[in-house]
Amino acid sequence: MIPERLYETLPYLYVISGSQTALWLPHWTAALSGVVLIFVGAVVWVIRTDKRRSPYGIKFKEQGVLPFWCYELQPFIYLTSGVLLFNYAQSFLLYPSAMIFLVVGIQLWLCRICWRRRS
């Protein structure tokens, strides 16, 4: 068995290690493996939070306009886009866009974490 502390932090470790891999290693295969790590962490996080929701959270979940997986992976898509823009942008003019993607992704993820603790 994995200790509970390690088990609970695994999705966050996947996302952080994937972001670091995509940011600091220059080759495209490293970026691809970083993106895979980010999305594995995202899927693990989504499945866990979906299974832990209360009946009210499940009822509220079905009222959205976006499809389930598109809505759930939205913060991770923004985070990944920001990381890849920072690393592979040919112009410094794209850095503000990358920063906006990162801030919006982190904000959405934190809002979802706070909301799911209540529901």
PDB file of N, CA and C in Angstrom:
ATOM      1  N   MET A   1       0.825  -1.185   0.000  1.00  0.00           N
ATOM      2  CA  MET A   1       0.000   0.000   0.000  1.00  0.00           C
ATOM      3  C   MET A   1       0.870   1.249   0.000  1.00  0.00           C
ATOM      4  N   ILE A   2       0.401   2.236  -0.678  1.00  0.00           N
ATOM      5  CA  ILE A   2       1.067   3.539  -0.693  1.00  0.00           C
ATOM      6  C   ILE A   2       0.584   4.325   0.527  1.00  0.00           C
ATOM      7  N   PRO A   3       1.493   5.018   1.219  1.00  0.00           N
ATOM      8  CA  PRO A   3       1.039   5.855   2.338  1.00  0.00           C
ATOM      9  C   PRO A   3       0.035   6.910   1.861  1.00  0.00           C
ATOM     10  N   GLU A   4      -0.909   7.259   2.742  1.00  0.00           N
ATOM     11  CA  GLU A   4      -1.998   8.158   2.357  1.00  0.00           C
ATOM     12  C   GLU A   4      -1.490   9.527   1.912  1.00  0.00           C
ATOM     13  N   ARG A   5      -0.470  10.038   2.582  1.00  0.00           N
ATOM     14  CA  ARG A   5       0.063  11.354   2.193  1.00  0.00           C
ATOM     15  C   ARG A   5       0.588  11.340   0.764  1.00  0.00           C
ATOM     16  N   LEU A   6       1.308  10.295   0.407  1.00  0.00           N
ATOM     17  CA  LEU A   6       1.831  10.187  -0.954  1.00  0.00           C
ATOM     18  C   LEU A   6       0.689   9.971  -1.944  1.00  0.00           C
ATOM     19  N   TYR A   7      -0.273   9.134  -1.575  1.00  0.00           N
ATOM     20  CA  TYR A   7      -1.411   8.850  -2.447  1.00  0.00           C
ATOM     21  C   TYR A   7      -2.210  10.110  -2.757  1.00  0.00           C
ATOM     22  N   GLU A   8      -2.428  10.943  -1.759  1.00  0.00           N
ATOM     23  CA  GLU A   8      -3.217  12.162  -1.950  1.00  0.00           C
ATOM     24  C   GLU A   8      -2.485  13.203  -2.790  1.00  0.00           C
ATOM     25  N   THR A   9      -1.164  13.207  -2.764  1.00  0.00           N
ATOM     26  CA  THR A   9      -0.406  14.218  -3.511  1.00  0.00           C
ATOM     27  C   THR A   9       0.013  13.759  -4.903  1.00  0.00           C
ATOM     28  N   LEU A  10      -0.267  12.523  -5.270  1.00  0.00           N
ATOM     29  CA  LEU A  10       0.176  12.019  -6.577  1.00  0.00           C
ATOM     30  C   LEU A  10      -0.290  12.852  -7.771  1.00  0.00           C
ATOM     31  N   PRO A  11      -1.561  13.245  -7.886  1.00  0.00           N
ATOM     32  CA  PRO A  11      -1.947  14.045  -9.054  1.00  0.00           C
ATOM     33  C   PRO A  11      -1.186  15.367  -9.138  1.00  0.00           C
ATOM     34  N   TYR A  12      -0.969  15.994  -7.990  1.00  0.00           N
ATOM     35  CA  TYR A  12      -0.230  17.260  -7.970  1.00  0.00           C
ATOM     36  C   TYR A  12       1.230  17.039  -8.368  1.00  0.00           C
ATOM     37  N   LEU A  13       1.816  15.932  -7.910  1.00  0.00           N
ATOM     38  CA  LEU A  13       3.197  15.619  -8.291  1.00  0.00           C
ATOM     39  C   LEU A  13       3.307  15.353  -9.789  1.00  0.00           C
ATOM     40  N   TYR A  14       2.320  14.662 -10.351  1.00  0.00           N
ATOM     41  CA  TYR A  14       2.320  14.423 -11.795  1.00  0.00           C
ATOM     42  C   TYR A  14       2.282  15.741 -12.570  1.00  0.00           C
ATOM     43  N   VAL A  15       1.392  16.633 -12.172  1.00  0.00           N
ATOM     44  CA  VAL A  15       1.243  17.905 -12.885  1.00  0.00           C
ATOM     45  C   VAL A  15       2.500  18.754 -12.737  1.00  0.00           C
ATOM     46  N   ILE A  16       3.051  18.822 -11.537  1.00  0.00           N
ATOM     47  CA  ILE A  16       4.257  19.634 -11.318  1.00  0.00           C
ATOM     48  C   ILE A  16       5.450  19.051 -12.055  1.00  0.00           C
ATOM     49  N   SER A  17       5.629  17.735 -11.995  1.00  0.00           N
ATOM     50  CA  SER A  17       6.772  17.141 -12.699  1.00  0.00           C
ATOM     51  C   SER A  17       6.606  17.240 -14.214  1.00  0.00           C
ATOM     52  N   GLY A  18       5.389  17.127 -14.708  1.00  0.00           N
ATOM     53  CA  GLY A  18       5.159  17.304 -16.142  1.00  0.00           C
ATOM     54  C   GLY A  18       5.433  18.726 -16.587  1.00  0.00           C
ATOM     55  N   SER A  19       5.026  19.695 -15.769  1.00  0.00           N
ATOM     56  CA  SER A  19       5.299  21.101 -16.098  1.00  0.00           C
ATOM     57  C   SER A  19       6.796  21.378 -16.098  1.00  0.00           C
ATOM     58  N   GLN A  20       7.489  20.857 -15.099  1.00  0.00           N
ATOM     59  CA  GLN A  20       8.932  21.068 -15.035  1.00  0.00           C
ATOM     60  C   GLN A  20       9.646  20.393 -16.207  1.00  0.00           C
ATOM     61  N   THR A  21       9.197  19.221 -16.578  1.00  0.00           N
ATOM     62  CA  THR A  21       9.798  18.528 -17.721  1.00  0.00           C
ATOM     63  C   THR A  21       9.590  19.324 -19.001  1.00  0.00           C
ATOM     64  N   ALA A  22       8.389  19.812 -19.205  1.00  0.00           N
ATOM     65  CA  ALA A  22       8.099  20.577 -20.424  1.00  0.00           C
ATOM     66  C   ALA A  22       8.825  21.917 -20.429  1.00  0.00           C
ATOM     67  N   LEU A  23       9.037  22.511 -19.261  1.00  0.00           N
ATOM     68  CA  LEU A  23       9.691  23.821 -19.195  1.00  0.00           C
ATOM     69  C   LEU A  23      11.204  23.749 -19.350  1.00  0.00           C
ATOM     70  N   TRP A  24      11.834  22.818 -18.669  1.00  0.00           N
ATOM     71  CA  TRP A  24      13.289  22.870 -18.547  1.00  0.00           C
ATOM     72  C   TRP A  24      14.044  21.987 -19.522  1.00  0.00           C
ATOM     73  N   LEU A  25      13.414  21.020 -20.141  1.00  0.00           N
ATOM     74  CA  LEU A  25      14.117  20.177 -21.101  1.00  0.00           C
ATOM     75  C   LEU A  25      13.765  20.633 -22.510  1.00  0.00           C
ATOM     76  N   PRO A  26      14.764  20.954 -23.335  1.00  0.00           N
ATOM     77  CA  PRO A  26      14.492  21.647 -24.593  1.00  0.00           C
ATOM     78  C   PRO A  26      13.959  20.777 -25.737  1.00  0.00           C
ATOM     79  N   HIS A  27      14.121  19.491 -25.680  1.00  0.00           N
ATOM     80  CA  HIS A  27      13.748  18.648 -26.813  1.00  0.00           C
ATOM     81  C   HIS A  27      12.239  18.425 -26.863  1.00  0.00           C
ATOM     82  N   TRP A  28      11.701  18.219 -28.057  1.00  0.00           N
ATOM     83  CA  TRP A  28      10.260  18.082 -28.217  1.00  0.00           C
ATOM     84  C   TRP A  28       9.732  16.810 -27.571  1.00  0.00           C
ATOM     85  N   THR A  29      10.557  15.752 -27.488  1.00  0.00           N
ATOM     86  CA  THR A  29      10.088  14.534 -26.825  1.00  0.00           C
ATOM     87  C   THR A  29       9.917  14.756 -25.324  1.00  0.00           C
ATOM     88  N   ALA A  30      10.765  15.609 -24.755  1.00  0.00           N
ATOM     89  CA  ALA A  30      10.605  15.955 -23.340  1.00  0.00           C
ATOM     90  C   ALA A  30       9.311  16.734 -23.133  1.00  0.00           C
ATOM     91  N   ALA A  31       9.014  17.636 -24.056  1.00  0.00           N
ATOM     92  CA  ALA A  31       7.760  18.393 -23.951  1.00  0.00           C
ATOM     93  C   ALA A  31       6.562  17.455 -24.077  1.00  0.00           C
ATOM     94  N   LEU A  32       6.652  16.495 -24.978  1.00  0.00           N
ATOM     95  CA  LEU A  32       5.562  15.537 -25.146  1.00  0.00           C
ATOM     96  C   LEU A  32       5.373  14.691 -23.890  1.00  0.00           C
ATOM     97  N   SER A  33       6.474  14.219 -23.302  1.00  0.00           N
ATOM     98  CA  SER A  33       6.340  13.440 -22.069  1.00  0.00           C
ATOM     99  C   SER A  33       5.835  14.306 -20.922  1.00  0.00           C
ATOM    100  N   GLY A  34       6.213  15.581 -20.902  1.00  0.00           N
ATOM    101  CA  GLY A  34       5.684  16.493 -19.891  1.00  0.00           C
ATOM    102  C   GLY A  34       4.187  16.684 -20.032  1.00  0.00           C
ATOM    103  N   VAL A  35       3.727  16.836 -21.266  1.00  0.00           N
ATOM    104  CA  VAL A  35       2.285  16.987 -21.512  1.00  0.00           C
ATOM    105  C   VAL A  35       1.543  15.720 -21.095  1.00  0.00           C
ATOM    106  N   VAL A  36       2.118  14.563 -21.380  1.00  0.00           N
ATOM    107  CA  VAL A  36       1.483  13.304 -20.976  1.00  0.00           C
ATOM    108  C   VAL A  36       1.394  13.223 -19.452  1.00  0.00           C
ATOM    109  N   LEU A  37       2.468  13.602 -18.759  1.00  0.00           N
ATOM    110  CA  LEU A  37       2.437  13.595 -17.294  1.00  0.00           C
ATOM    111  C   LEU A  37       1.380  14.553 -16.743  1.00  0.00           C
ATOM    112  N   ILE A  38       1.278  15.731 -17.342  1.00  0.00           N
ATOM    113  CA  ILE A  38       0.272  16.700 -16.892  1.00  0.00           C
ATOM    114  C   ILE A  38      -1.131  16.123 -17.060  1.00  0.00           C
ATOM    115  N   PHE A  39      -1.413  15.515 -18.194  1.00  0.00           N
ATOM    116  CA  PHE A  39      -2.757  14.998 -18.424  1.00  0.00           C
ATOM    117  C   PHE A  39      -3.046  13.725 -17.633  1.00  0.00           C
ATOM    118  N   VAL A  40      -2.023  12.927 -17.328  1.00  0.00           N
ATOM    119  CA  VAL A  40      -2.242  11.782 -16.439  1.00  0.00           C
ATOM    120  C   VAL A  40      -2.611  12.279 -15.045  1.00  0.00           C
ATOM    121  N   GLY A  41      -1.887  13.278 -14.564  1.00  0.00           N
ATOM    122  CA  GLY A  41      -2.229  13.865 -13.270  1.00  0.00           C
ATOM    123  C   GLY A  41      -3.612  14.478 -13.275  1.00  0.00           C
ATOM    124  N   ALA A  42      -3.972  15.118 -14.380  1.00  0.00           N
ATOM    125  CA  ALA A  42      -5.296  15.736 -14.485  1.00  0.00           C
ATOM    126  C   ALA A  42      -6.395  14.682 -14.454  1.00  0.00           C
ATOM    127  N   VAL A  43      -6.205  13.605 -15.178  1.00  0.00           N
ATOM    128  CA  VAL A  43      -7.227  12.552 -15.218  1.00  0.00           C
ATOM    129  C   VAL A  43      -7.370  11.894 -13.844  1.00  0.00           C
ATOM    130  N   VAL A  44      -6.246  11.637 -13.175  1.00  0.00           N
ATOM    131  CA  VAL A  44      -6.306  11.057 -11.830  1.00  0.00           C
ATOM    132  C   VAL A  44      -7.049  12.000 -10.886  1.00  0.00           C
ATOM    133  N   TRP A  45      -6.744  13.293 -10.968  1.00  0.00           N
ATOM    134  CA  TRP A  45      -7.401  14.277 -10.098  1.00  0.00           C
ATOM    135  C   TRP A  45      -8.901  14.348 -10.385  1.00  0.00           C
ATOM    136  N   VAL A  46      -9.272  14.352 -11.657  1.00  0.00           N
ATOM    137  CA  VAL A  46     -10.689  14.439 -12.035  1.00  0.00           C
ATOM    138  C   VAL A  46     -11.448  13.204 -11.562  1.00  0.00           C
ATOM    139  N   ILE A  47     -10.884  12.027 -11.768  1.00  0.00           N
ATOM    140  CA  ILE A  47     -11.573  10.799 -11.364  1.00  0.00           C
ATOM    141  C   ILE A  47     -11.744  10.754  -9.847  1.00  0.00           C
ATOM    142  N   ARG A  48     -10.698  11.138  -9.114  1.00  0.00           N
ATOM    143  CA  ARG A  48     -10.798  11.146  -7.652  1.00  0.00           C
ATOM    144  C   ARG A  48     -11.852  12.116  -7.153  1.00  0.00           C
ATOM    145  N   THR A  49     -11.821  13.332  -7.664  1.00  0.00           N
ATOM    146  CA  THR A  49     -12.792  14.311  -7.171  1.00  0.00           C
ATOM    147  C   THR A  49     -14.212  13.952  -7.604  1.00  0.00           C
ATOM    148  N   ASP A  50     -14.350  13.305  -8.750  1.00  0.00           N
ATOM    149  CA  ASP A  50     -15.679  12.893  -9.197  1.00  0.00           C
ATOM    150  C   ASP A  50     -16.245  11.804  -8.290  1.00  0.00           C
ATOM    151  N   LYS A  51     -15.415  10.887  -7.854  1.00  0.00           N
ATOM    152  CA  LYS A  51     -15.877   9.797  -6.982  1.00  0.00           C
ATOM    153  C   LYS A  51     -16.168  10.283  -5.567  1.00  0.00           C
ATOM    154  N   ARG A  52     -15.559  11.394  -5.153  1.00  0.00           N
ATOM    155  CA  ARG A  52     -15.734  11.888  -3.784  1.00  0.00           C
ATOM    156  C   ARG A  52     -16.827  12.933  -3.656  1.00  0.00           C
ATOM    157  N   ARG A  53     -17.505  13.259  -4.717  1.00  0.00           N
ATOM    158  CA  ARG A  53     -18.539  14.294  -4.662  1.00  0.00           C
ATOM    159  C   ARG A  53     -19.766  13.824  -3.907  1.00  0.00           C
ATOM    160  N   SER A  54     -20.420  14.785  -3.285  1.00  0.00           N
ATOM    161  CA  SER A  54     -21.692  14.501  -2.617  1.00  0.00           C
ATOM    162  C   SER A  54     -22.795  14.436  -3.681  1.00  0.00           C
ATOM    163  N   PRO A  55     -23.974  13.946  -3.325  1.00  0.00           N
ATOM    164  CA  PRO A  55     -25.077  13.924  -4.307  1.00  0.00           C
ATOM    165  C   PRO A  55     -25.419  15.313  -4.852  1.00  0.00           C
ATOM    166  N   TYR A  56     -25.281  16.369  -4.024  1.00  0.00           N
ATOM    167  CA  TYR A  56     -25.537  17.724  -4.515  1.00  0.00           C
ATOM    168  C   TYR A  56     -24.518  18.094  -5.585  1.00  0.00           C
ATOM    169  N   GLY A  57     -23.255  17.737  -5.369  1.00  0.00           N
ATOM    170  CA  GLY A  57     -22.225  18.040  -6.357  1.00  0.00           C
ATOM    171  C   GLY A  57     -22.452  17.303  -7.657  1.00  0.00           C
ATOM    172  N   ILE A  58     -22.951  16.071  -7.561  1.00  0.00           N
ATOM    173  CA  ILE A  58     -23.230  15.297  -8.771  1.00  0.00           C
ATOM    174  C   ILE A  58     -24.397  15.922  -9.531  1.00  0.00           C
ATOM    175  N   LYS A  59     -25.434  16.357  -8.807  1.00  0.00           N
ATOM    176  CA  LYS A  59     -26.578  16.993  -9.465  1.00  0.00           C
ATOM    177  C   LYS A  59     -26.158  18.302 -10.131  1.00  0.00           C
ATOM    178  N   PHE A  60     -25.328  19.078  -9.446  1.00  0.00           N
ATOM    179  CA  PHE A  60     -24.873  20.360  -9.976  1.00  0.00           C
ATOM    180  C   PHE A  60     -23.960  20.160 -11.189  1.00  0.00           C
ATOM    181  N   LYS A  61     -23.212  19.065 -11.195  1.00  0.00           N
ATOM    182  CA  LYS A  61     -22.269  18.786 -12.272  1.00  0.00           C
ATOM    183  C   LYS A  61     -22.978  18.627 -13.615  1.00  0.00           C
ATOM    184  N   GLU A  62     -24.176  18.097 -13.608  1.00  0.00           N
ATOM    185  CA  GLU A  62     -24.880  17.785 -14.851  1.00  0.00           C
ATOM    186  C   GLU A  62     -25.574  18.987 -15.469  1.00  0.00           C
ATOM    187  N   GLN A  63     -25.420  20.185 -14.907  1.00  0.00           N
ATOM    188  CA  GLN A  63     -26.113  21.355 -15.421  1.00  0.00           C
ATOM    189  C   GLN A  63     -25.268  22.179 -16.385  1.00  0.00           C
ATOM    190  N   GLY A  64     -24.045  21.815 -16.649  1.00  0.00           N
ATOM    191  CA  GLY A  64     -23.156  22.633 -17.456  1.00  0.00           C
ATOM    192  C   GLY A  64     -23.416  22.529 -18.947  1.00  0.00           C
ATOM    193  N   VAL A  65     -22.832  23.475 -19.684  1.00  0.00           N
ATOM    194  CA  VAL A  65     -22.978  23.513 -21.136  1.00  0.00           C
ATOM    195  C   VAL A  65     -21.897  22.661 -21.803  1.00  0.00           C
ATOM    196  N   LEU A  66     -20.683  22.706 -21.266  1.00  0.00           N
ATOM    197  CA  LEU A  66     -19.569  21.962 -21.843  1.00  0.00           C
ATOM    198  C   LEU A  66     -19.683  20.473 -21.529  1.00  0.00           C
ATOM    199  N   PRO A  67     -19.153  19.620 -22.402  1.00  0.00           N
ATOM    200  CA  PRO A  67     -19.089  18.197 -22.068  1.00  0.00           C
ATOM    201  C   PRO A  67     -18.224  17.980 -20.819  1.00  0.00           C
ATOM    202  N   PHE A  68     -18.479  16.884 -20.128  1.00  0.00           N
ATOM    203  CA  PHE A  68     -17.840  16.621 -18.835  1.00  0.00           C
ATOM    204  C   PHE A  68     -16.323  16.720 -18.901  1.00  0.00           C
ATOM    205  N   TRP A  69     -15.683  15.991 -19.816  1.00  0.00           N
ATOM    206  CA  TRP A  69     -14.219  15.957 -19.839  1.00  0.00           C
ATOM    207  C   TRP A  69     -13.634  17.280 -20.305  1.00  0.00           C
ATOM    208  N   CYS A  70     -14.314  17.970 -21.177  1.00  0.00           N
ATOM    209  CA  CYS A  70     -13.830  19.285 -21.614  1.00  0.00           C
ATOM    210  C   CYS A  70     -13.850  20.263 -20.443  1.00  0.00           C
ATOM    211  N   TYR A  71     -14.923  20.239 -19.679  1.00  0.00           N
ATOM    212  CA  TYR A  71     -15.031  21.118 -18.518  1.00  0.00           C
ATOM    213  C   TYR A  71     -13.990  20.761 -17.459  1.00  0.00           C
ATOM    214  N   GLU A  72     -13.832  19.481 -17.181  1.00  0.00           N
ATOM    215  CA  GLU A  72     -12.933  19.051 -16.117  1.00  0.00           C
ATOM    216  C   GLU A  72     -11.465  19.283 -16.459  1.00  0.00           C
ATOM    217  N   LEU A  73     -11.101  19.140 -17.714  1.00  0.00           N
ATOM    218  CA  LEU A  73      -9.694  19.296 -18.101  1.00  0.00           C
ATOM    219  C   LEU A  73      -9.333  20.728 -18.481  1.00  0.00           C
ATOM    220  N   GLN A  74     -10.288  21.631 -18.434  1.00  0.00           N
ATOM    221  CA  GLN A  74     -10.054  23.017 -18.843  1.00  0.00           C
ATOM    222  C   GLN A  74      -8.878  23.686 -18.116  1.00  0.00           C
ATOM    223  N   PRO A  75      -8.751  23.612 -16.780  1.00  0.00           N
ATOM    224  CA  PRO A  75      -7.601  24.262 -16.146  1.00  0.00           C
ATOM    225  C   PRO A  75      -6.274  23.662 -16.585  1.00  0.00           C
ATOM    226  N   PHE A  76      -6.252  22.358 -16.810  1.00  0.00           N
ATOM    227  CA  PHE A  76      -5.017  21.699 -17.199  1.00  0.00           C
ATOM    228  C   PHE A  76      -4.639  22.028 -18.641  1.00  0.00           C
ATOM    229  N   ILE A  77      -5.622  22.237 -19.479  1.00  0.00           N
ATOM    230  CA  ILE A  77      -5.352  22.664 -20.856  1.00  0.00           C
ATOM    231  C   ILE A  77      -4.745  24.058 -20.854  1.00  0.00           C
ATOM    232  N   TYR A  78      -5.298  24.950 -20.028  1.00  0.00           N
ATOM    233  CA  TYR A  78      -4.731  26.297 -19.918  1.00  0.00           C
ATOM    234  C   TYR A  78      -3.311  26.260 -19.365  1.00  0.00           C
ATOM    235  N   LEU A  79      -3.087  25.462 -18.325  1.00  0.00           N
ATOM    236  CA  LEU A  79      -1.741  25.355 -17.751  1.00  0.00           C
ATOM    237  C   LEU A  79      -0.738  24.816 -18.766  1.00  0.00           C
ATOM    238  N   THR A  80      -1.122  23.766 -19.469  1.00  0.00           N
ATOM    239  CA  THR A  80      -0.230  23.171 -20.462  1.00  0.00           C
ATOM    240  C   THR A  80       0.051  24.144 -21.598  1.00  0.00           C
ATOM    241  N   SER A  81      -0.954  24.870 -22.042  1.00  0.00           N
ATOM    242  CA  SER A  81      -0.749  25.859 -23.105  1.00  0.00           C
ATOM    243  C   SER A  81       0.213  26.946 -22.656  1.00  0.00           C
ATOM    244  N   GLY A  82       0.064  27.412 -21.424  1.00  0.00           N
ATOM    245  CA  GLY A  82       0.971  28.432 -20.908  1.00  0.00           C
ATOM    246  C   GLY A  82       2.397  27.942 -20.804  1.00  0.00           C
ATOM    247  N   VAL A  83       2.582  26.727 -20.307  1.00  0.00           N
ATOM    248  CA  VAL A  83       3.934  26.161 -20.177  1.00  0.00           C
ATOM    249  C   VAL A  83       4.579  26.001 -21.547  1.00  0.00           C
ATOM    250  N   LEU A  84       3.831  25.468 -22.509  1.00  0.00           N
ATOM    251  CA  LEU A  84       4.396  25.270 -23.847  1.00  0.00           C
ATOM    252  C   LEU A  84       4.676  26.595 -24.548  1.00  0.00           C
ATOM    253  N   LEU A  85       3.830  27.595 -24.336  1.00  0.00           N
ATOM    254  CA  LEU A  85       4.094  28.914 -24.922  1.00  0.00           C
ATOM    255  C   LEU A  85       5.357  29.535 -24.338  1.00  0.00           C
ATOM    256  N   PHE A  86       5.540  29.402 -23.034  1.00  0.00           N
ATOM    257  CA  PHE A  86       6.759  29.927 -22.420  1.00  0.00           C
ATOM    258  C   PHE A  86       7.996  29.255 -22.992  1.00  0.00           C
ATOM    259  N   ASN A  87       7.914  27.956 -23.190  1.00  0.00           N
ATOM    260  CA  ASN A  87       9.100  27.213 -23.601  1.00  0.00           C
ATOM    261  C   ASN A  87       9.381  27.312 -25.096  1.00  0.00           C
ATOM    262  N   TYR A  88       8.364  27.350 -25.917  1.00  0.00           N
ATOM    263  CA  TYR A  88       8.577  27.249 -27.355  1.00  0.00           C
ATOM    264  C   TYR A  88       8.174  28.485 -28.147  1.00  0.00           C
ATOM    265  N   ALA A  89       7.897  29.585 -27.488  1.00  0.00           N
ATOM    266  CA  ALA A  89       7.538  30.820 -28.200  1.00  0.00           C
ATOM    267  C   ALA A  89       8.771  31.388 -28.894  1.00  0.00           C
ATOM    268  N   GLN A  90       8.614  31.782 -30.136  1.00  0.00           N
ATOM    269  CA  GLN A  90       9.715  32.348 -30.901  1.00  0.00           C
ATOM    270  C   GLN A  90       9.884  33.835 -30.630  1.00  0.00           C
ATOM    271  N   SER A  91       8.870  34.456 -30.065  1.00  0.00           N
ATOM    272  CA  SER A  91       8.892  35.889 -29.825  1.00  0.00           C
ATOM    273  C   SER A  91       8.562  36.170 -28.360  1.00  0.00           C
ATOM    274  N   PHE A  92       9.193  37.207 -27.826  1.00  0.00           N
ATOM    275  CA  PHE A  92       8.905  37.618 -26.456  1.00  0.00           C
ATOM    276  C   PHE A  92       7.499  38.208 -26.334  1.00  0.00           C
ATOM    277  N   LEU A  93       6.890  38.545 -27.443  1.00  0.00           N
ATOM    278  CA  LEU A  93       5.546  39.110 -27.411  1.00  0.00           C
ATOM    279  C   LEU A  93       4.495  38.082 -26.987  1.00  0.00           C
ATOM    280  N   LEU A  94       4.833  36.801 -27.063  1.00  0.00           N
ATOM    281  CA  LEU A  94       3.887  35.764 -26.656  1.00  0.00           C
ATOM    282  C   LEU A  94       3.948  35.460 -25.162  1.00  0.00           C
ATOM    283  N   TYR A  95       4.942  35.984 -24.455  1.00  0.00           N
ATOM    284  CA  TYR A  95       5.066  35.721 -23.025  1.00  0.00           C
ATOM    285  C   TYR A  95       3.883  36.240 -22.206  1.00  0.00           C
ATOM    286  N   PRO A  96       3.319  37.421 -22.497  1.00  0.00           N
ATOM    287  CA  PRO A  96       2.122  37.825 -21.741  1.00  0.00           C
ATOM    288  C   PRO A  96       0.946  36.864 -21.942  1.00  0.00           C
ATOM    289  N   SER A  97       0.794  36.340 -23.150  1.00  0.00           N
ATOM    290  CA  SER A  97      -0.274  35.361 -23.388  1.00  0.00           C
ATOM    291  C   SER A  97      -0.028  34.090 -22.585  1.00  0.00           C
ATOM    292  N   ALA A  98       1.228  33.665 -22.533  1.00  0.00           N
ATOM    293  CA  ALA A  98       1.565  32.479 -21.750  1.00  0.00           C
ATOM    294  C   ALA A  98       1.268  32.713 -20.270  1.00  0.00           C
ATOM    295  N   MET A  99       1.583  33.892 -19.790  1.00  0.00           N
ATOM    296  CA  MET A  99       1.316  34.213 -18.385  1.00  0.00           C
ATOM    297  C   MET A  99      -0.185  34.231 -18.098  1.00  0.00           C
ATOM    298  N   ILE A 100      -0.962  34.751 -19.033  1.00  0.00           N
ATOM    299  CA  ILE A 100      -2.419  34.764 -18.862  1.00  0.00           C
ATOM    300  C   ILE A 100      -2.955  33.334 -18.809  1.00  0.00           C
ATOM    301  N   PHE A 101      -2.480  32.471 -19.701  1.00  0.00           N
ATOM    302  CA  PHE A 101      -2.895  31.066 -19.669  1.00  0.00           C
ATOM    303  C   PHE A 101      -2.557  30.430 -18.324  1.00  0.00           C
ATOM    304  N   LEU A 102      -1.344  30.682 -17.830  1.00  0.00           N
ATOM    305  CA  LEU A 102      -0.941  30.100 -16.555  1.00  0.00           C
ATOM    306  C   LEU A 102      -1.795  30.607 -15.397  1.00  0.00           C
ATOM    307  N   VAL A 103      -2.024  31.904 -15.345  1.00  0.00           N
ATOM    308  CA  VAL A 103      -2.808  32.478 -14.245  1.00  0.00           C
ATOM    309  C   VAL A 103      -4.249  31.976 -14.280  1.00  0.00           C
ATOM    310  N   VAL A 104      -4.855  31.946 -15.456  1.00  0.00           N
ATOM    311  CA  VAL A 104      -6.239  31.470 -15.567  1.00  0.00           C
ATOM    312  C   VAL A 104      -6.324  29.983 -15.214  1.00  0.00           C
ATOM    313  N   GLY A 105      -5.356  29.197 -15.675  1.00  0.00           N
ATOM    314  CA  GLY A 105      -5.354  27.773 -15.347  1.00  0.00           C
ATOM    315  C   GLY A 105      -5.217  27.518 -13.858  1.00  0.00           C
ATOM    316  N   ILE A 106      -4.300  28.239 -13.212  1.00  0.00           N
ATOM    317  CA  ILE A 106      -4.121  28.076 -11.766  1.00  0.00           C
ATOM    318  C   ILE A 106      -5.362  28.547 -11.017  1.00  0.00           C
ATOM    319  N   GLN A 107      -5.935  29.660 -11.457  1.00  0.00           N
ATOM    320  CA  GLN A 107      -7.136  30.181 -10.799  1.00  0.00           C
ATOM    321  C   GLN A 107      -8.307  29.196 -10.913  1.00  0.00           C
ATOM    322  N   LEU A 108      -8.518  28.653 -12.098  1.00  0.00           N
ATOM    323  CA  LEU A 108      -9.603  27.679 -12.269  1.00  0.00           C
ATOM    324  C   LEU A 108      -9.381  26.437 -11.415  1.00  0.00           C
ATOM    325  N   TRP A 109      -8.138  25.972 -11.387  1.00  0.00           N
ATOM    326  CA  TRP A 109      -7.828  24.773 -10.617  1.00  0.00           C
ATOM    327  C   TRP A 109      -8.052  25.021  -9.126  1.00  0.00           C
ATOM    328  N   LEU A 110      -7.602  26.161  -8.621  1.00  0.00           N
ATOM    329  CA  LEU A 110      -7.807  26.479  -7.205  1.00  0.00           C
ATOM    330  C   LEU A 110      -9.290  26.657  -6.879  1.00  0.00           C
ATOM    331  N   CYS A 111     -10.039  27.270  -7.784  1.00  0.00           N
ATOM    332  CA  CYS A 111     -11.487  27.407  -7.561  1.00  0.00           C
ATOM    333  C   CYS A 111     -12.163  26.044  -7.507  1.00  0.00           C
ATOM    334  N   ARG A 112     -11.758  25.137  -8.368  1.00  0.00           N
ATOM    335  CA  ARG A 112     -12.352  23.797  -8.363  1.00  0.00           C
ATOM    336  C   ARG A 112     -11.985  23.039  -7.093  1.00  0.00           C
ATOM    337  N   ILE A 113     -10.737  23.202  -6.637  1.00  0.00           N
ATOM    338  CA  ILE A 113     -10.322  22.545  -5.395  1.00  0.00           C
ATOM    339  C   ILE A 113     -11.168  23.052  -4.232  1.00  0.00           C
ATOM    340  N   CYS A 114     -11.335  24.362  -4.136  1.00  0.00           N
ATOM    341  CA  CYS A 114     -12.134  24.941  -3.041  1.00  0.00           C
ATOM    342  C   CYS A 114     -13.596  24.519  -3.132  1.00  0.00           C
ATOM    343  N   TRP A 115     -14.153  24.514  -4.327  1.00  0.00           N
ATOM    344  CA  TRP A 115     -15.552  24.154  -4.502  1.00  0.00           C
ATOM    345  C   TRP A 115     -15.793  22.693  -4.139  1.00  0.00           C
ATOM    346  N   ARG A 116     -14.888  21.823  -4.506  1.00  0.00           N
ATOM    347  CA  ARG A 116     -15.095  20.395  -4.282  1.00  0.00           C
ATOM    348  C   ARG A 116     -14.866  19.993  -2.837  1.00  0.00           C
ATOM    349  N   ARG A 117     -14.160  20.805  -2.093  1.00  0.00           N
ATOM    350  CA  ARG A 117     -14.047  20.528  -0.661  1.00  0.00           C
ATOM    351  C   ARG A 117     -15.374  20.777   0.035  1.00  0.00           C
ATOM    352  N   ARG A 118     -16.171  21.676  -0.509  1.00  0.00           N
ATOM    353  CA  ARG A 118     -17.468  22.001   0.100  1.00  0.00           C
ATOM    354  C   ARG A 118     -18.565  21.051  -0.338  1.00  0.00           C
ATOM    355  N   SER A 119     -18.458  20.527  -1.568  1.00  0.00           N
ATOM    356  CA  SER A 119     -19.564  19.692  -2.066  1.00  0.00           C
ATOM    357  C   SER A 119     -19.324  18.217  -1.846  1.00  0.00           C
TER     358      SER A 119
END
